[in-house]
Amino acid sequence: MNASVFDAQAFARRIRVRIAERGISQAAASVEIGCSTATLSRVCRASVPDVENYFRIEAWLNKEPTP
């Protein structure tokens, strides 16, 4: 049995929700995160990010939004 610990669908959903809450584009989010637009696009379609990008995105998700 190959059970995945990482839920790429849930992670992608969290990113899309945060982008919508902020009212920004994926391109703007990728600049804030520090990853390429292509990487963020893939992750938003539930591709598993590499470890470095995972931590960048996770930090961005957990960062308090600026007003």
C-alpha atoms as a PDB file:
ATOM      1  CA  MET A   1       0.000   0.000   0.000  1.00  0.00           C
ATOM      2  CA  ASN A   2       1.327   3.428  -0.935  1.00  0.00           C
ATOM      3  CA  ALA A   3      -0.266   5.949   1.424  1.00  0.00           C
ATOM      4  CA  SER A   4       0.846   9.532   0.911  1.00  0.00           C
ATOM      5  CA  VAL A   5       1.481  11.660   3.965  1.00  0.00           C
ATOM      6  CA  PHE A   6       1.374  14.930   2.031  1.00  0.00           C
ATOM      7  CA  ASP A   7      -2.062  16.023   0.779  1.00  0.00           C
ATOM      8  CA  ALA A   8      -1.231  18.002  -2.353  1.00  0.00           C
ATOM      9  CA  GLN A   9      -4.917  18.727  -3.026  1.00  0.00           C
ATOM     10  CA  ALA A  10      -5.400  20.300   0.411  1.00  0.00           C
ATOM     11  CA  PHE A  11      -2.157  22.277   0.110  1.00  0.00           C
ATOM     12  CA  ALA A  12      -3.215  23.607  -3.304  1.00  0.00           C
ATOM     13  CA  ARG A  13      -6.618  24.540  -1.899  1.00  0.00           C
ATOM     14  CA  ARG A  14      -4.990  26.500   0.960  1.00  0.00           C
ATOM     15  CA  ILE A  15      -2.892  28.448  -1.541  1.00  0.00           C
ATOM     16  CA  ARG A  16      -5.838  29.227  -3.817  1.00  0.00           C
ATOM     17  CA  VAL A  17      -7.945  30.358  -0.858  1.00  0.00           C
ATOM     18  CA  ARG A  18      -5.172  32.669   0.414  1.00  0.00           C
ATOM     19  CA  ILE A  19      -4.672  34.146  -3.053  1.00  0.00           C
ATOM     20  CA  ALA A  20      -8.418  34.800  -3.322  1.00  0.00           C
ATOM     21  CA  GLU A  21      -8.562  36.299   0.187  1.00  0.00           C
ATOM     22  CA  ARG A  22      -5.721  38.635  -0.685  1.00  0.00           C
ATOM     23  CA  GLY A  23      -7.266  39.522  -4.046  1.00  0.00           C
ATOM     24  CA  ILE A  24      -3.958  39.055  -5.848  1.00  0.00           C
ATOM     25  CA  SER A  25      -2.871  37.084  -8.884  1.00  0.00           C
ATOM     26  CA  GLN A  26      -0.807  33.911  -8.809  1.00  0.00           C
ATOM     27  CA  ALA A  27       2.006  35.927 -10.375  1.00  0.00           C
ATOM     28  CA  ALA A  28       1.912  38.452  -7.522  1.00  0.00           C
ATOM     29  CA  ALA A  29       1.781  35.631  -4.980  1.00  0.00           C
ATOM     30  CA  SER A  30       4.787  33.943  -6.562  1.00  0.00           C
ATOM     31  CA  VAL A  31       6.785  37.165  -6.214  1.00  0.00           C
ATOM     32  CA  GLU A  32       5.836  37.417  -2.537  1.00  0.00           C
ATOM     33  CA  ILE A  33       6.688  33.751  -1.986  1.00  0.00           C
ATOM     34  CA  GLY A  34       9.959  33.856  -3.902  1.00  0.00           C
ATOM     35  CA  CYS A  35       9.236  31.083  -6.381  1.00  0.00           C
ATOM     36  CA  SER A  36       8.547  31.119 -10.089  1.00  0.00           C
ATOM     37  CA  THR A  37       5.062  31.656 -11.450  1.00  0.00           C
ATOM     38  CA  ALA A  38       5.311  28.266 -13.170  1.00  0.00           C
ATOM     39  CA  THR A  39       6.148  26.532  -9.886  1.00  0.00           C
ATOM     40  CA  LEU A  40       3.245  28.130  -8.064  1.00  0.00           C
ATOM     41  CA  SER A  41       0.914  27.290 -10.935  1.00  0.00           C
ATOM     42  CA  ARG A  42       1.942  23.623 -10.779  1.00  0.00           C
ATOM     43  CA  VAL A  43       1.523  23.508  -7.002  1.00  0.00           C
ATOM     44  CA  CYS A  44      -1.919  25.145  -7.306  1.00  0.00           C
ATOM     45  CA  ARG A  45      -2.836  22.242  -9.597  1.00  0.00           C
ATOM     46  CA  ALA A  46      -1.809  19.815  -6.817  1.00  0.00           C
ATOM     47  CA  SER A  47       1.728  18.960  -7.904  1.00  0.00           C
ATOM     48  CA  VAL A  48       3.984  18.215  -4.967  1.00  0.00           C
ATOM     49  CA  PRO A  49       6.535  21.020  -4.519  1.00  0.00           C
ATOM     50  CA  ASP A  50      10.173  20.403  -3.738  1.00  0.00           C
ATOM     51  CA  VAL A  51      11.143  20.878  -0.101  1.00  0.00           C
ATOM     52  CA  GLU A  52      12.554  24.390  -0.552  1.00  0.00           C
ATOM     53  CA  ASN A  53       9.418  25.674  -2.276  1.00  0.00           C
ATOM     54  CA  TYR A  54       7.186  23.862   0.192  1.00  0.00           C
ATOM     55  CA  PHE A  55       8.771  25.778   3.071  1.00  0.00           C
ATOM     56  CA  ARG A  56       8.611  29.089   1.180  1.00  0.00           C
ATOM     57  CA  ILE A  57       4.929  28.601   0.412  1.00  0.00           C
ATOM     58  CA  GLU A  58       4.134  27.386   3.917  1.00  0.00           C
ATOM     59  CA  ALA A  59       5.837  30.470   5.415  1.00  0.00           C
ATOM     60  CA  TRP A  60       3.794  32.698   3.094  1.00  0.00           C
ATOM     61  CA  LEU A  61       0.573  30.908   4.035  1.00  0.00           C
ATOM     62  CA  ASN A  62       1.303  31.335   7.749  1.00  0.00           C
ATOM     63  CA  LYS A  63       2.372  34.972   7.458  1.00  0.00           C
ATOM     64  CA  GLU A  64      -0.170  37.483   8.717  1.00  0.00           C
ATOM     65  CA  PRO A  65      -1.535  39.416   5.741  1.00  0.00           C
ATOM     66  CA  THR A  66      -0.661  43.077   5.620  1.00  0.00           C
ATOM     67  CA  PRO A  67      -3.664  45.416   5.429  1.00  0.00           C
END
